[in-house]
Amino acid sequence: MSDYLADVKKYDAKADEAVVNKIVKHLGIALRNRDSSLVSATDQKELDRVRDNWCVKKLGVDAAAGEAAVAKVTQTMAGDRSKGRVTFYYLVARELGKLDSL
């Protein structure tokens, strides 16, 4: 768990551990293997899944807002070869102002 929090804190020094824990719990089994624990920013289908399943279904925003947030986080994390799913989802939620609703 502390690894996820440490990774998130690279991008948000004030990251709330409780929010990170909720994202980890939400992702559950997807975090068990390395491939599914990472987000492939070069795979449009992957980014569409993040938009549809995380932004629209879980966070309750429209697809356009979700698309914009995913694009912004992709740019923010561009220097990181391995984009952790927990960190990516956290940053998308922060971008959408939805951290408090998690």
Protein backbone atom coordinates (compact mmCIF):
# COMPACT_ATOMS: atom_id res chain seq x y z
CA MET A 1 0.00 0.00 0.00
CA SER A 2 2.76 2.44 0.85
CA ASP A 3 4.22 1.92 -2.64
CA TYR A 4 0.99 3.21 -4.21
CA LEU A 5 0.92 6.21 -1.89
CA ALA A 6 4.60 6.99 -2.57
CA ASP A 7 3.97 6.87 -6.32
CA VAL A 8 0.96 9.18 -6.05
CA LYS A 9 2.98 11.59 -3.88
CA LYS A 10 5.45 12.05 -6.75
CA TYR A 11 2.65 14.01 -8.45
CA ASP A 12 0.67 15.25 -5.43
CA ALA A 13 2.69 15.78 -2.26
CA LYS A 14 -0.53 16.29 -0.28
CA ALA A 15 -2.15 13.04 -1.45
CA ASP A 16 -4.71 11.66 0.99
CA GLU A 17 -3.89 8.09 2.02
CA ALA A 18 -7.58 7.28 2.57
CA VAL A 19 -8.41 8.27 -1.02
CA VAL A 20 -5.51 6.19 -2.37
CA ASN A 21 -6.77 3.23 -0.30
CA LYS A 22 -10.25 3.61 -1.81
CA ILE A 23 -8.81 3.55 -5.34
CA VAL A 24 -6.75 0.46 -4.50
CA LYS A 25 -9.86 -1.24 -3.13
CA HIS A 26 -11.86 -0.24 -6.24
CA LEU A 27 -9.20 -1.66 -8.58
CA GLY A 28 -8.83 -4.84 -6.53
CA ILE A 29 -7.76 -7.80 -8.62
CA ALA A 30 -6.48 -5.63 -11.48
CA LEU A 31 -3.50 -4.71 -9.32
CA ARG A 32 -2.36 -8.30 -8.86
CA ASN A 33 -0.44 -8.60 -12.09
CA ARG A 34 2.05 -6.13 -13.47
CA ASP A 35 0.43 -5.66 -16.87
CA SER A 36 -3.01 -4.75 -15.56
CA SER A 37 -1.56 -2.62 -12.74
CA LEU A 38 -0.21 -0.19 -15.35
CA VAL A 39 -2.00 2.11 -17.78
CA SER A 40 -0.80 2.04 -21.37
CA ALA A 41 -1.05 5.65 -22.53
CA THR A 42 -0.30 4.62 -26.12
CA ASP A 43 -3.30 2.26 -26.32
CA GLN A 44 -6.44 4.23 -27.18
CA LYS A 45 -8.70 1.34 -26.14
CA GLU A 46 -7.09 1.41 -22.70
CA LEU A 47 -7.62 5.15 -22.37
CA ASP A 48 -11.23 4.75 -23.53
CA ARG A 49 -11.77 2.12 -20.81
CA VAL A 50 -10.40 4.49 -18.18
CA ARG A 51 -12.71 7.23 -19.47
CA ASP A 52 -15.79 4.99 -19.61
CA ASN A 53 -15.33 2.85 -16.50
CA TRP A 54 -13.61 5.28 -14.15
CA CYS A 55 -14.67 8.76 -15.27
CA VAL A 56 -18.20 8.14 -16.48
CA LYS A 57 -19.37 5.15 -14.41
CA LYS A 58 -17.51 5.64 -11.12
CA LEU A 59 -16.99 9.40 -10.98
CA GLY A 60 -20.20 10.36 -12.78
CA VAL A 61 -18.85 12.86 -15.27
CA ASP A 62 -19.68 13.11 -18.96
CA ALA A 63 -17.44 11.44 -21.53
CA ALA A 64 -16.00 14.72 -22.84
CA ALA A 65 -14.84 15.81 -19.38
CA GLY A 66 -13.43 12.34 -18.80
CA GLU A 67 -11.60 12.41 -22.12
CA ALA A 68 -10.05 15.80 -21.30
CA ALA A 69 -8.95 14.65 -17.84
CA VAL A 70 -7.40 11.44 -19.19
CA ALA A 71 -5.53 13.43 -21.85
CA LYS A 72 -4.21 15.90 -19.28
CA VAL A 73 -3.03 13.14 -16.92
CA THR A 74 -1.38 11.35 -19.85
CA GLN A 75 0.62 14.54 -20.50
CA THR A 76 1.39 15.00 -16.80
CA MET A 77 2.76 11.45 -16.52
CA ALA A 78 4.52 11.49 -19.91
CA GLY A 79 7.96 11.26 -18.33
CA ASP A 80 7.03 8.12 -16.39
CA ARG A 81 7.49 4.99 -18.51
CA SER A 82 5.42 2.83 -16.14
CA LYS A 83 2.20 4.66 -15.39
CA GLY A 84 0.76 3.07 -12.26
CA ARG A 85 -2.98 2.53 -12.50
CA VAL A 86 -3.60 3.79 -8.96
CA THR A 87 -1.65 6.99 -9.60
CA PHE A 88 -3.29 7.51 -13.00
CA TYR A 89 -6.80 7.07 -11.55
CA TYR A 90 -5.98 9.35 -8.60
CA LEU A 91 -4.74 12.11 -10.89
CA VAL A 92 -7.79 11.79 -13.16
CA ALA A 93 -10.11 12.07 -10.14
CA ARG A 94 -8.13 15.10 -8.89
CA GLU A 95 -8.31 16.71 -12.33
CA LEU A 96 -12.09 16.27 -12.30
CA GLY A 97 -12.41 17.56 -8.73
CA LYS A 98 -13.84 14.23 -7.59
CA LEU A 99 -11.39 13.16 -4.87
CA ASP A 100 -13.88 14.07 -2.13
CA SER A 101 -16.59 11.88 -3.66
CA LEU A 102 -14.51 8.68 -3.58
